[in-house]
Amino acid sequence: MSDPTYTPPKIWTWDSASGGEFASINRPVAGATHEHTLPRGDHPIQLYSLATPNGVKVTIMLEELLALGHQEAEYDAWPIRITEGDQFGSGFVEINPNSKIPAMLDTSIEPAQRVFESGSILLYLAEKFGAFLPDNPAKRTETLNWLFWQMGSGPFLGGGFGHFYNYAPEKYEYPINRFTMEVKRQLDVLNRQLAECRYVAGEEYTIADMAIWPWYGALVLGRLYGAGEFLSVQDYPHLQRWAKEIDERPAVKRGRRVNRTWGDPSEQLPERHSASDF
C-alpha cells in the first residue's frame, strides 16, 4: 500500500502537537526559553553534552587524549538532558546558539573559548594537543575528508533513517525506504574503504574514526535504533571488523559512559569530573 499523499499548504504554520517523541523540544525558532547558568568545574575543559552519538565523539576524544598523557585535557562533563529542554537554557545558548549538544568551553585561555559542533570540537582538540590528526599534509587531508564525510552523511542516518524508522509517530514506506537505501549506500562506502586500510583514513587511528564510530560502529554492532537485522549489517565484514576493534579500546569504553543517563546502570556516568569517577 502506498502512503497517503500530503499536500503542503500555501504557507506552513507550526503545529506544536506534531513531531512524535521529540515534539516537546522541536520548534521553528532559536534562542533561549529560560534562564539557566551552567555549572563549572575545576578542570580546563568544561563539556556540556549527552551520550548520544554526537556527544560520544567528544568524550572518546578527551579520554583518548588523557590516555596519551595529555593532562591538560582533563575535563568536567555535565549532562544536558535534551528531552527536558536543557539545551534551550540561557547559559547553554551562550556557548552554542544552535542549541545542540555537544558544546565545550576551553577555560585554559583568556577569554575562554567556546566550541560547538562535534566535528569542530574534535578538530579543535586535535590541533590544541597535536594528536589524532596527522602532520603529513596528504594524511591530514584524508583524515579531514572523512571527518567532514561524517558530518555531511550523519544527518541521513540520524534525522533521516533513525527518525522515520524508530521515532516518527507513523511508519510510512517512502521515507523509510528512501533513507534505508542511503544508509546502506553509506555502509558500503565505509566497508569498501575499510577493506583497504585498518582505520577509516588509513593506517592511523584519527579523529575520523572517533567521529564515525559512534554512529556507524554502533549501528553495525546492533546498538542504534535496533536496526541491525533490518539493515543486514552482517553484509559489511570490514566495517564490522573495524567497529569491534574500536569498541575494545579502553578510552572508548570510558567515553561511551560519560553523560549517559539511560540503560544499564553500570554503563551510566551522568557527570564526569575525574578518572576516579569510572
Protein backbone atom coordinates (compact mmCIF):
# COMPACT_ATOMS: atom_id res chain seq x y z
CA MET A 1 0.00 0.00 0.00
CA SER A 2 1.35 3.42 -0.88
CA ASP A 3 1.49 6.22 1.68
CA PRO A 4 -1.30 8.77 1.74
CA THR A 5 -0.49 11.90 -0.19
CA TYR A 6 0.25 15.08 1.71
CA THR A 7 -0.45 18.37 0.01
CA PRO A 8 1.69 21.14 1.53
CA PRO A 9 -0.27 24.26 2.48
CA LYS A 10 0.48 27.53 0.73
CA ILE A 11 2.05 28.84 3.95
CA TRP A 12 3.41 26.44 6.56
CA THR A 13 2.42 27.01 10.18
CA TRP A 14 3.85 25.35 13.28
CA ASP A 15 1.72 22.68 14.90
CA SER A 16 3.31 22.26 18.31
CA ALA A 17 1.47 18.97 18.83
CA SER A 18 3.23 17.24 15.93
CA GLY A 19 6.66 15.63 15.83
CA GLY A 20 6.37 12.34 17.69
CA GLU A 21 8.68 11.54 20.60
CA PHE A 22 10.56 14.84 20.41
CA ALA A 23 7.58 17.13 19.81
CA SER A 24 8.05 18.92 23.12
CA ILE A 25 11.51 20.21 22.16
CA ASN A 26 11.02 20.87 18.44
CA ARG A 27 10.30 24.45 17.46
CA PRO A 28 10.94 26.66 14.43
CA VAL A 29 12.77 29.45 16.28
CA ALA A 30 16.14 29.75 18.02
CA GLY A 31 17.24 31.34 21.29
CA ALA A 32 16.82 30.65 24.99
CA THR A 33 13.49 29.72 26.53
CA HIS A 34 14.57 30.15 30.13
CA GLU A 35 17.37 31.50 32.30
CA HIS A 36 19.86 28.91 33.47
CA THR A 37 23.51 29.31 34.46
CA LEU A 38 25.66 26.37 33.51
CA PRO A 39 27.74 24.71 36.25
CA ARG A 40 31.53 24.99 36.18
CA GLY A 41 34.10 22.54 37.47
CA ASP A 42 37.80 22.87 38.24
CA HIS A 43 39.29 21.49 35.02
CA PRO A 44 40.41 23.45 31.96
CA ILE A 45 37.74 21.94 29.73
CA GLN A 46 34.05 22.11 30.50
CA LEU A 47 31.84 19.84 28.40
CA TYR A 48 28.06 20.10 28.23
CA SER A 49 26.66 17.10 26.47
CA LEU A 50 24.77 13.83 26.45
CA ALA A 51 25.88 10.33 25.42
CA THR A 52 24.18 10.40 22.05
CA PRO A 53 26.47 9.52 19.11
CA ASN A 54 27.47 13.16 18.63
CA GLY A 55 28.26 13.56 22.30
CA VAL A 56 30.22 10.31 22.47
CA LYS A 57 32.57 11.54 19.74
CA VAL A 58 33.94 14.18 22.09
CA THR A 59 34.14 12.12 25.28
CA ILE A 60 36.04 9.43 23.38
CA MET A 61 38.46 12.08 22.11
CA LEU A 62 39.02 13.51 25.59
CA GLU A 63 39.55 10.07 27.13
CA GLU A 64 41.97 9.15 24.33
CA LEU A 65 43.94 12.35 24.95
CA LEU A 66 44.15 11.59 28.66
CA ALA A 67 45.27 8.04 27.84
CA LEU A 68 48.14 9.58 25.85
CA GLY A 69 49.19 11.58 28.90
CA HIS A 70 47.76 15.00 27.98
CA GLN A 71 46.77 16.09 31.49
CA GLU A 72 45.57 19.48 30.24
CA ALA A 73 42.75 17.56 28.57
CA GLU A 74 41.20 16.88 31.99
CA TYR A 75 37.58 17.85 31.86
CA ASP A 76 34.29 18.19 33.68
CA ALA A 77 31.35 16.73 31.78
CA TRP A 78 27.88 17.96 32.64
CA PRO A 79 24.69 16.35 31.32
CA ILE A 80 22.39 18.33 29.06
CA ARG A 81 19.07 16.48 29.12
CA ILE A 82 17.78 17.32 25.68
CA THR A 83 14.35 15.75 26.16
CA GLU A 84 13.83 18.17 29.06
CA GLY A 85 14.94 21.21 27.07
CA ASP A 86 18.23 21.91 28.88
CA GLN A 87 19.77 22.96 25.56
CA PHE A 88 17.48 26.00 25.49
CA GLY A 89 18.73 27.40 28.79
CA SER A 90 20.43 30.78 28.51
CA GLY A 91 23.84 29.50 29.62
CA PHE A 92 23.91 26.75 27.03
CA VAL A 93 22.70 29.03 24.25
CA GLU A 94 25.60 31.38 25.05
CA ILE A 95 28.00 28.54 24.27
CA ASN A 96 26.03 27.12 21.35
CA PRO A 97 23.47 29.43 19.74
CA ASN A 98 22.27 26.42 17.74
CA SER A 99 21.10 24.64 20.94
CA LYS A 100 22.57 21.26 20.06
CA ILE A 101 24.89 19.04 22.06
CA PRO A 102 27.82 18.77 22.45
CA ALA A 103 29.20 22.17 23.40
CA MET A 104 32.52 22.84 25.07
CA LEU A 105 34.23 25.69 26.88
CA ASP A 106 38.04 25.84 26.98
CA THR A 107 38.89 27.87 30.09
CA SER A 108 42.65 27.37 29.77
CA ILE A 109 42.81 30.52 27.65
CA GLU A 110 41.58 34.06 28.26
CA PRO A 111 38.91 34.78 27.28
CA ALA A 112 37.52 31.26 27.45
CA GLN A 113 36.86 29.80 24.01
CA ARG A 114 33.50 28.30 23.16
CA VAL A 115 33.47 25.42 20.67
CA PHE A 116 30.34 23.85 19.26
CA GLU A 117 29.52 21.25 16.59
CA SER A 118 31.09 17.87 17.30
CA GLY A 119 33.38 17.94 14.25
CA SER A 120 34.66 21.36 15.19
CA ILE A 121 35.35 20.19 18.74
CA LEU A 122 37.31 17.17 17.50
CA LEU A 123 39.38 19.33 15.17
CA TYR A 124 39.95 21.96 17.88
CA LEU A 125 41.19 19.37 20.38
CA ALA A 126 43.36 17.60 17.79
CA GLU A 127 45.10 20.86 16.91
CA LYS A 128 45.35 22.03 20.53
CA PHE A 129 47.08 18.84 21.69
CA GLY A 130 48.75 17.76 18.47
CA ALA A 131 47.14 14.33 18.49
CA PHE A 132 44.98 12.11 16.28
CA LEU A 133 45.42 14.38 13.25
CA PRO A 134 48.45 13.58 11.09
CA ASP A 135 51.04 16.26 10.34
CA ASN A 136 51.66 14.92 6.85
CA PRO A 137 49.55 17.11 4.51
CA ALA A 138 48.17 14.21 2.47
CA LYS A 139 47.24 12.16 5.54
CA ARG A 140 45.81 15.22 7.28
CA THR A 141 43.64 15.99 4.27
CA GLU A 142 42.44 12.38 4.06
CA THR A 143 41.50 12.50 7.75
CA LEU A 144 39.56 15.71 7.24
CA ASN A 145 37.90 14.23 4.16
CA TRP A 146 36.39 11.52 6.33
CA LEU A 147 35.64 13.82 9.27
CA PHE A 148 33.55 16.02 7.03
CA TRP A 149 32.09 12.97 5.30
CA GLN A 150 30.60 12.00 8.63
CA MET A 151 29.30 15.49 9.33
CA GLY A 152 27.55 15.53 5.96
CA SER A 153 26.37 11.92 5.97
CA GLY A 154 25.28 11.57 9.60
CA PRO A 155 22.01 13.51 9.25
CA PHE A 156 20.79 10.96 6.70
CA LEU A 157 21.38 8.22 9.28
CA GLY A 158 20.05 10.08 12.33
CA GLY A 159 17.48 12.66 11.34
CA GLY A 160 16.54 10.65 8.25
CA PHE A 161 16.62 6.90 8.80
CA GLY A 162 16.61 6.97 12.60
CA HIS A 163 13.69 9.35 12.78
CA PHE A 164 11.40 7.64 10.30
CA TYR A 165 12.33 4.08 11.26
CA ASN A 166 12.40 4.50 15.04
CA TYR A 167 10.88 7.75 16.28
CA ALA A 168 8.24 9.01 13.85
CA PRO A 169 4.65 8.73 15.12
CA GLU A 170 3.68 6.99 11.86
CA LYS A 171 5.60 4.43 9.82
CA TYR A 172 5.48 5.39 6.15
CA GLU A 173 7.04 3.30 3.42
CA TYR A 174 8.52 6.03 1.26
CA PRO A 175 10.75 7.85 3.82
CA ILE A 176 11.89 4.57 5.42
CA ASN A 177 12.82 3.10 2.04
CA ARG A 178 14.46 6.32 0.89
CA PHE A 179 16.70 6.67 3.93
CA THR A 180 17.37 2.93 4.26
CA MET A 181 18.74 2.96 0.72
CA GLU A 182 21.02 5.88 1.54
CA VAL A 183 22.25 4.41 4.83
CA LYS A 184 23.08 1.10 3.16
CA ARG A 185 24.98 3.02 0.49
CA GLN A 186 26.95 4.78 3.23
CA LEU A 187 27.69 1.46 4.93
CA ASP A 188 29.02 0.18 1.63
CA VAL A 189 31.21 3.28 1.26
CA LEU A 190 32.77 2.58 4.65
CA ASN A 191 33.06 -1.16 4.06
CA ARG A 192 34.93 -0.61 0.80
CA GLN A 193 37.25 1.92 2.43
CA LEU A 194 37.98 -0.37 5.37
CA ALA A 195 38.75 -3.26 3.04
CA GLU A 196 41.82 -1.25 2.01
CA CYS A 197 43.07 0.06 5.35
CA ARG A 198 42.94 -0.61 9.09
CA TYR A 199 41.28 2.65 10.05
CA VAL A 200 38.96 4.92 8.11
CA ALA A 201 41.58 7.41 6.94
CA GLY A 202 44.47 4.96 6.60
CA GLU A 203 46.70 3.05 9.00
CA GLU A 204 46.47 5.61 11.82
CA TYR A 205 43.67 5.96 14.36
CA THR A 206 42.38 9.53 13.99
CA ILE A 207 39.54 11.90 14.74
CA ALA A 208 37.85 10.49 11.63
CA ASP A 209 37.38 7.18 13.44
CA MET A 210 36.16 8.98 16.56
CA ALA A 211 33.58 10.86 14.51
CA ILE A 212 32.32 7.88 12.52
CA TRP A 213 32.38 5.07 15.09
CA PRO A 214 29.66 6.37 17.49
CA TRP A 215 27.21 6.40 14.57
CA TYR A 216 28.18 3.69 12.11
CA GLY A 217 30.11 1.49 14.51
CA ALA A 218 27.20 1.50 16.95
CA LEU A 219 24.84 0.74 14.07
CA VAL A 220 26.66 -2.37 12.88
CA LEU A 221 27.22 -3.52 16.47
CA GLY A 222 23.44 -3.51 16.96
CA ARG A 223 23.28 -0.59 19.40
CA LEU A 224 21.50 2.00 17.30
CA TYR A 225 17.75 2.07 16.55
CA GLY A 226 17.52 -1.73 16.90
CA ALA A 227 18.05 -1.79 13.15
CA GLY A 228 20.93 -4.23 12.73
CA GLU A 229 18.86 -7.08 11.31
CA PHE A 230 16.73 -4.73 9.21
CA LEU A 231 19.86 -3.30 7.58
CA SER A 232 21.62 -6.70 7.24
CA VAL A 233 24.72 -5.30 8.90
CA GLN A 234 26.46 -8.67 8.63
CA ASP A 235 26.90 -7.87 4.93
CA TYR A 236 29.68 -5.37 5.80
CA PRO A 237 32.52 -7.52 7.22
CA HIS A 238 35.30 -4.92 7.01
CA LEU A 239 33.13 -2.36 8.76
CA GLN A 240 32.29 -4.98 11.40
CA ARG A 241 35.98 -5.73 11.95
CA TRP A 242 36.79 -2.04 12.43
CA ALA A 243 33.78 -1.42 14.70
CA LYS A 244 34.76 -4.28 17.01
CA GLU A 245 38.39 -3.18 17.17
CA ILE A 246 37.47 0.38 18.15
CA ASP A 247 34.95 -0.95 20.66
CA GLU A 248 37.74 -2.68 22.59
CA ARG A 249 39.79 0.47 23.20
CA PRO A 250 39.73 1.35 26.93
CA ALA A 251 39.26 5.07 26.23
CA VAL A 252 36.28 4.27 24.01
CA LYS A 253 34.73 2.15 26.74
CA ARG A 254 35.07 5.07 29.13
CA GLY A 255 33.91 7.67 26.64
CA ARG A 256 30.72 5.76 25.91
CA ARG A 257 29.69 6.02 29.57
CA VAL A 258 30.20 9.74 30.10
CA ASN A 259 26.93 11.74 30.25
CA ARG A 260 24.93 8.55 29.78
CA THR A 261 21.65 8.72 31.71
CA TRP A 262 19.80 5.65 30.45
CA GLY A 263 20.24 1.90 30.03
CA ASP A 264 22.24 -0.44 32.24
CA PRO A 265 23.17 1.48 35.42
CA SER A 266 26.72 0.08 35.21
CA GLU A 267 27.11 1.87 31.87
CA GLN A 268 25.90 5.25 33.14
CA LEU A 269 28.09 8.13 34.26
CA PRO A 270 25.85 11.22 34.12
CA GLU A 271 28.65 13.54 35.30
CA ARG A 272 32.39 13.07 34.93
CA HIS A 273 34.90 15.11 36.97
CA SER A 274 37.93 12.84 37.30
CA ALA A 275 39.31 9.49 36.20
CA SER A 276 38.29 8.08 39.58
CA ASP A 277 34.63 8.52 38.62
CA PHE A 278 34.89 5.39 36.50
